[in-house]
C-alpha atoms as a PDB file:
ATOM      1  CA  MET A   1      94.507  91.714 111.016  1.00  0.00           C
ATOM      2  CA  ARG A   2      96.090  89.170 113.240  1.00  0.00           C
ATOM      3  CA  ARG A   3      92.683  89.101 115.180  1.00  0.00           C
ATOM      4  CA  LYS A   4      90.818  88.116 111.814  1.00  0.00           C
ATOM      5  CA  LEU A   5      93.241  85.544 111.088  1.00  0.00           C
ATOM      6  CA  TYR A   6      92.837  83.788 114.446  1.00  0.00           C
ATOM      7  CA  GLN A   7      88.934  84.275 114.413  1.00  0.00           C
ATOM      8  CA  VAL A   8      88.827  82.405 110.915  1.00  0.00           C
ATOM      9  CA  LEU A   9      91.360  79.597 112.489  1.00  0.00           C
ATOM     10  CA  GLU A  10      89.218  79.454 115.660  1.00  0.00           C
ATOM     11  CA  THR A  11      85.930  78.984 114.109  1.00  0.00           C
ATOM     12  CA  ASP A  12      87.397  76.143 111.904  1.00  0.00           C
ATOM     13  CA  ALA A  13      89.752  74.587 114.664  1.00  0.00           C
ATOM     14  CA  ALA A  14      88.217  71.078 114.310  1.00  0.00           C
ATOM     15  CA  PHE A  15      88.232  71.103 110.475  1.00  0.00           C
ATOM     16  CA  VAL A  16      91.571  73.041 109.722  1.00  0.00           C
ATOM     17  CA  GLN A  17      92.957  70.224 107.584  1.00  0.00           C
ATOM     18  CA  GLU A  18      89.732  70.188 105.584  1.00  0.00           C
ATOM     19  CA  HIS A  19      89.711  73.844 104.472  1.00  0.00           C
ATOM     20  CA  HIS A  20      93.286  74.898 104.811  1.00  0.00           C
ATOM     21  CA  GLN A  21      96.673  73.448 104.096  1.00  0.00           C
ATOM     22  CA  THR A  22      99.169  73.547 106.761  1.00  0.00           C
ATOM     23  CA  GLY A  23     101.404  75.489 104.534  1.00  0.00           C
ATOM     24  CA  ASP A  24      98.781  78.017 103.885  1.00  0.00           C
ATOM     25  CA  ILE A  25      98.349  78.682 107.621  1.00  0.00           C
ATOM     26  CA  LEU A  26     102.353  78.906 108.222  1.00  0.00           C
ATOM     27  CA  SER A  27     102.319  81.334 105.271  1.00  0.00           C
ATOM     28  CA  LEU A  28      99.592  83.413 106.677  1.00  0.00           C
ATOM     29  CA  LEU A  29     101.285  83.586 109.987  1.00  0.00           C
ATOM     30  CA  SER A  30     104.520  84.635 108.815  1.00  0.00           C
ATOM     31  CA  ASP A  31     103.221  87.176 106.483  1.00  0.00           C
ATOM     32  CA  ASP A  32     100.938  88.783 109.321  1.00  0.00           C
ATOM     33  CA  ILE A  33     104.097  89.483 111.413  1.00  0.00           C
ATOM     34  CA  GLY A  34     106.179  90.788 108.679  1.00  0.00           C
ATOM     35  CA  HIS A  35     103.165  93.022 107.377  1.00  0.00           C
ATOM     36  CA  ILE A  36     102.554  94.617 110.892  1.00  0.00           C
ATOM     37  CA  GLN A  37     106.412  95.200 111.449  1.00  0.00           C
ATOM     38  CA  ASN A  38     106.746  96.768 108.148  1.00  0.00           C
ATOM     39  CA  MET A  39     103.700  98.879 108.487  1.00  0.00           C
ATOM     40  CA  TYR A  40     104.672 100.528 111.707  1.00  0.00           C
ATOM     41  CA  LEU A  41     108.415 100.574 111.781  1.00  0.00           C
ATOM     42  CA  ARG A  42     109.096 101.426 108.215  1.00  0.00           C
ATOM     43  CA  ALA A  43     105.918 103.398 107.058  1.00  0.00           C
ATOM     44  CA  ILE A  44     103.946 105.072 109.556  1.00  0.00           C
ATOM     45  CA  PHE A  45     106.529 106.308 112.309  1.00  0.00           C
ATOM     46  CA  PRO A  46     109.394 107.374 109.613  1.00  0.00           C
ATOM     47  CA  THR A  47     106.819 109.246 107.770  1.00  0.00           C
ATOM     48  CA  VAL A  48     105.428 111.255 110.734  1.00  0.00           C
ATOM     49  CA  VAL A  49     108.747 111.998 111.961  1.00  0.00           C
ATOM     50  CA  ALA A  50     109.964 113.111 108.672  1.00  0.00           C
ATOM     51  CA  GLY A  51     106.985 115.225 107.898  1.00  0.00           C
ATOM     52  CA  THR A  52     107.215 117.054 111.395  1.00  0.00           C
ATOM     53  CA  LEU A  53     110.940 117.698 110.983  1.00  0.00           C
ATOM     54  CA  THR A  54     110.537 119.013 107.181  1.00  0.00           C
ATOM     55  CA  LEU A  55     108.183 121.414 108.380  1.00  0.00           C
ATOM     56  CA  LEU A  56     110.154 122.620 111.781  1.00  0.00           C
ATOM     57  CA  ILE A  57     113.401 122.897 109.651  1.00  0.00           C
ATOM     58  CA  THR A  58     111.864 124.809 106.867  1.00  0.00           C
ATOM     59  CA  LEU A  59     110.118 127.160 109.301  1.00  0.00           C
ATOM     60  CA  GLY A  60     113.321 127.550 111.055  1.00  0.00           C
ATOM     61  CA  LEU A  61     115.363 128.234 107.736  1.00  0.00           C
ATOM     62  CA  GLY A  62     112.603 130.726 106.678  1.00  0.00           C
ATOM     63  CA  ILE A  63     113.397 133.066 109.320  1.00  0.00           C
ATOM     64  CA  PHE A  64     116.939 133.711 107.876  1.00  0.00           C
ATOM     65  CA  ASP A  65     116.386 133.088 104.007  1.00  0.00           C
ATOM     66  CA  TRP A  66     112.852 132.471 102.498  1.00  0.00           C
ATOM     67  CA  ARG A  67     114.479 131.265  99.100  1.00  0.00           C
ATOM     68  CA  PHE A  68     116.902 128.735 100.675  1.00  0.00           C
ATOM     69  CA  ALA A  69     114.071 127.433 103.020  1.00  0.00           C
ATOM     70  CA  LEU A  70     111.913 127.079  99.900  1.00  0.00           C
ATOM     71  CA  TRP A  71     114.659 125.131  98.100  1.00  0.00           C
ATOM     72  CA  VAL A  72     115.277 122.857 101.189  1.00  0.00           C
ATOM     73  CA  LEU A  73     111.432 122.212 101.507  1.00  0.00           C
ATOM     74  CA  LEU A  74     111.172 121.181  97.960  1.00  0.00           C
ATOM     75  CA  LEU A  75     114.204 118.799  98.239  1.00  0.00           C
ATOM     76  CA  LEU A  76     112.929 117.398 101.618  1.00  0.00           C
ATOM     77  CA  LEU A  77     109.433 116.827  99.905  1.00  0.00           C
ATOM     78  CA  VAL A  78     111.146 114.918  97.114  1.00  0.00           C
ATOM     79  CA  GLN A  79     112.625 112.856  99.921  1.00  0.00           C
ATOM     80  CA  ILE A  80     109.453 112.273 101.923  1.00  0.00           C
ATOM     81  CA  VAL A  81     106.762 111.965  99.306  1.00  0.00           C
ATOM     82  CA  LEU A  82     107.907 111.488  95.647  1.00  0.00           C
ATOM     83  CA  ILE A  83     110.907 108.921  96.362  1.00  0.00           C
ATOM     84  CA  PRO A  84     108.693 106.947  98.576  1.00  0.00           C
ATOM     85  CA  TRP A  85     105.805 106.908  96.426  1.00  0.00           C
ATOM     86  CA  TRP A  86     108.149 105.773  93.338  1.00  0.00           C
ATOM     87  CA  GLY A  87     109.147 102.832  95.592  1.00  0.00           C
ATOM     88  CA  LEU A  88     105.639 102.026  96.527  1.00  0.00           C
ATOM     89  CA  LEU A  89     104.835 101.822  92.881  1.00  0.00           C
ATOM     90  CA  ILE A  90     107.668  99.686  91.712  1.00  0.00           C
ATOM     91  CA  GLU A  91     107.740  97.321  94.646  1.00  0.00           C
ATOM     92  CA  THR A  92     104.064  96.748  95.229  1.00  0.00           C
ATOM     93  CA  LYS A  93     103.745  94.179  92.443  1.00  0.00           C
ATOM     94  CA  ARG A  94     106.975  92.500  93.285  1.00  0.00           C
ATOM     95  CA  LYS A  95     105.942  92.235  96.857  1.00  0.00           C
ATOM     96  CA  LEU A  96     102.749  90.532  96.018  1.00  0.00           C
ATOM     97  CA  ARG A  97     104.843  88.037  93.833  1.00  0.00           C
ATOM     98  CA  GLN A  98     106.920  87.286  96.634  1.00  0.00           C
ATOM     99  CA  LYS A  99     104.009  86.652  98.824  1.00  0.00           C
ATOM    100  CA  GLU A 100     102.661  84.173  96.347  1.00  0.00           C
ATOM    101  CA  LEU A 101     105.924  82.679  96.114  1.00  0.00           C
ATOM    102  CA  THR A 102     106.363  82.518  99.860  1.00  0.00           C
ATOM    103  CA  GLN A 103     102.885  80.822 100.105  1.00  0.00           C
ATOM    104  CA  LYS A 104     103.796  78.217  97.335  1.00  0.00           C
ATOM    105  CA  ALA A 105     107.128  77.500  99.229  1.00  0.00           C
ATOM    106  CA  TYR A 106     105.372  76.734 102.445  1.00  0.00           C
ATOM    107  CA  VAL A 107     102.609  74.757 100.812  1.00  0.00           C
ATOM    108  CA  ASP A 108     105.259  72.660  98.726  1.00  0.00           C
ATOM    109  CA  LEU A 109     107.543  72.170 101.740  1.00  0.00           C
ATOM    110  CA  THR A 110     104.835  71.005 104.052  1.00  0.00           C
ATOM    111  CA  ASP A 111     103.388  68.759 101.416  1.00  0.00           C
ATOM    112  CA  ALA A 112     106.697  67.269 100.713  1.00  0.00           C
ATOM    113  CA  VAL A 113     107.710  66.710 104.266  1.00  0.00           C
ATOM    114  CA  LEU A 114     104.450  65.204 105.169  1.00  0.00           C
ATOM    115  CA  GLY A 115     104.848  62.765 102.077  1.00  0.00           C
ATOM    116  CA  LEU A 116     108.524  62.384 102.769  1.00  0.00           C
ATOM    117  CA  SER A 117     107.891  58.595 103.326  1.00  0.00           C
ATOM    118  CA  ASP A 118     106.366  58.253  99.818  1.00  0.00           C
ATOM    119  CA  TRP A 119     109.588  60.096  98.478  1.00  0.00           C
ATOM    120  CA  ALA A 120     111.678  57.609 100.279  1.00  0.00           C
ATOM    121  CA  ILE A 121     109.763  54.416  99.223  1.00  0.00           C
ATOM    122  CA  THR A 122     109.815  55.408  95.569  1.00  0.00           C
ATOM    123  CA  HIS A 123     113.478  56.495  95.766  1.00  0.00           C
ATOM    124  CA  ARG A 124     112.812  59.979  94.178  1.00  0.00           C
ATOM    125  CA  GLN A 125     114.792  62.054  96.794  1.00  0.00           C
ATOM    126  CA  ASP A 126     116.357  64.090  94.075  1.00  0.00           C
ATOM    127  CA  THR A 127     112.844  64.983  92.695  1.00  0.00           C
ATOM    128  CA  PHE A 128     111.954  65.955  96.250  1.00  0.00           C
ATOM    129  CA  VAL A 129     114.763  68.299  96.705  1.00  0.00           C
ATOM    130  CA  ALA A 130     114.477  69.868  93.284  1.00  0.00           C
ATOM    131  CA  GLN A 131     110.664  70.490  93.905  1.00  0.00           C
ATOM    132  CA  ALA A 132     111.132  71.914  97.470  1.00  0.00           C
ATOM    133  CA  SER A 133     113.963  74.349  96.253  1.00  0.00           C
ATOM    134  CA  ALA A 134     112.396  75.589  92.956  1.00  0.00           C
ATOM    135  CA  ALA A 135     109.986  78.049  94.695  1.00  0.00           C
ATOM    136  CA  THR A 136     112.659  79.107  97.190  1.00  0.00           C
ATOM    137  CA  ALA A 137     115.069  79.833  94.404  1.00  0.00           C
ATOM    138  CA  LYS A 138     112.325  81.997  92.461  1.00  0.00           C
ATOM    139  CA  LEU A 139     111.827  83.933  95.781  1.00  0.00           C
ATOM    140  CA  ALA A 140     115.440  84.504  96.253  1.00  0.00           C
ATOM    141  CA  VAL A 141     115.845  86.076  92.695  1.00  0.00           C
ATOM    142  CA  SER A 142     112.736  88.220  93.578  1.00  0.00           C
ATOM    143  CA  THR A 143     114.181  89.348  96.950  1.00  0.00           C
ATOM    144  CA  HIS A 144     117.604  90.148  95.208  1.00  0.00           C
ATOM    145  CA  HIS A 145     115.699  92.289  92.733  1.00  0.00           C
ATOM    146  CA  SER A 146     113.974  94.073  95.373  1.00  0.00           C
ATOM    147  CA  LYS A 147     117.233  94.864  97.329  1.00  0.00           C
ATOM    148  CA  MET A 148     118.932  96.196  94.257  1.00  0.00           C
ATOM    149  CA  PHE A 149     115.869  98.480  93.635  1.00  0.00           C
ATOM    150  CA  GLN A 150     116.048  99.645  97.378  1.00  0.00           C
ATOM    151  CA  TRP A 151     119.749 100.450  96.960  1.00  0.00           C
ATOM    152  CA  ALA A 152     119.126 102.343  93.831  1.00  0.00           C
ATOM    153  CA  ARG A 153     116.399 104.248  95.376  1.00  0.00           C
ATOM    154  CA  ASP A 154     118.345 105.110  98.504  1.00  0.00           C
ATOM    155  CA  PHE A 155     121.135 106.228  96.350  1.00  0.00           C
ATOM    156  CA  VAL A 156     118.857 108.533  94.463  1.00  0.00           C
ATOM    157  CA  SER A 157     117.442 109.832  97.782  1.00  0.00           C
ATOM    158  CA  ASP A 158     120.961 110.509  99.001  1.00  0.00           C
ATOM    159  CA  LEU A 159     121.673 112.407  95.957  1.00  0.00           C
ATOM    160  CA  PHE A 160     118.678 114.761  96.814  1.00  0.00           C
ATOM    161  CA  PHE A 161     119.873 114.904 100.241  1.00  0.00           C
ATOM    162  CA  GLY A 162     123.160 116.027  99.249  1.00  0.00           C
ATOM    163  CA  ALA A 163     121.998 118.729  96.862  1.00  0.00           C
ATOM    164  CA  ILE A 164     120.752 120.691 100.074  1.00  0.00           C
ATOM    165  CA  PRO A 165     124.124 122.059 101.014  1.00  0.00           C
ATOM    166  CA  ALA A 166     124.907 122.771  97.489  1.00  0.00           C
ATOM    167  CA  ALA A 167     122.468 125.466  97.328  1.00  0.00           C
END
């Protein structure tokens, strides 16, 4: 993904200003780093480790009591399959919207900063501040909703994890 971005920029290096806005490039670069970080650190590695541990724990418990092992397997599968799938369904649309808002914020901010002298000459600094902060405010609200959903999802996950010893 990073290579693709740099290849596109490399082929158009002399004409970047004609094809891309500076804010678009900043948005792509920041989104690139965040996407790669989330993909490996929050999705792939924990899923592999959780799946392996689930199988090992269930097999180990199955030696002593197969019904309890089946109960633990069911609860752990809810933990590592159903709850993340539910989170993915809910958060995918919101993350796409946040990506659009971030890109708009970068574009608006770079356009405003590059045209700062125009804002100062026309004495419209208040309009500059309001326009530059509008997309950022919408992004902050969306990010807050994401954090609240993540908290609720983690709480439900903890409830399922707490049900294991209750058996």
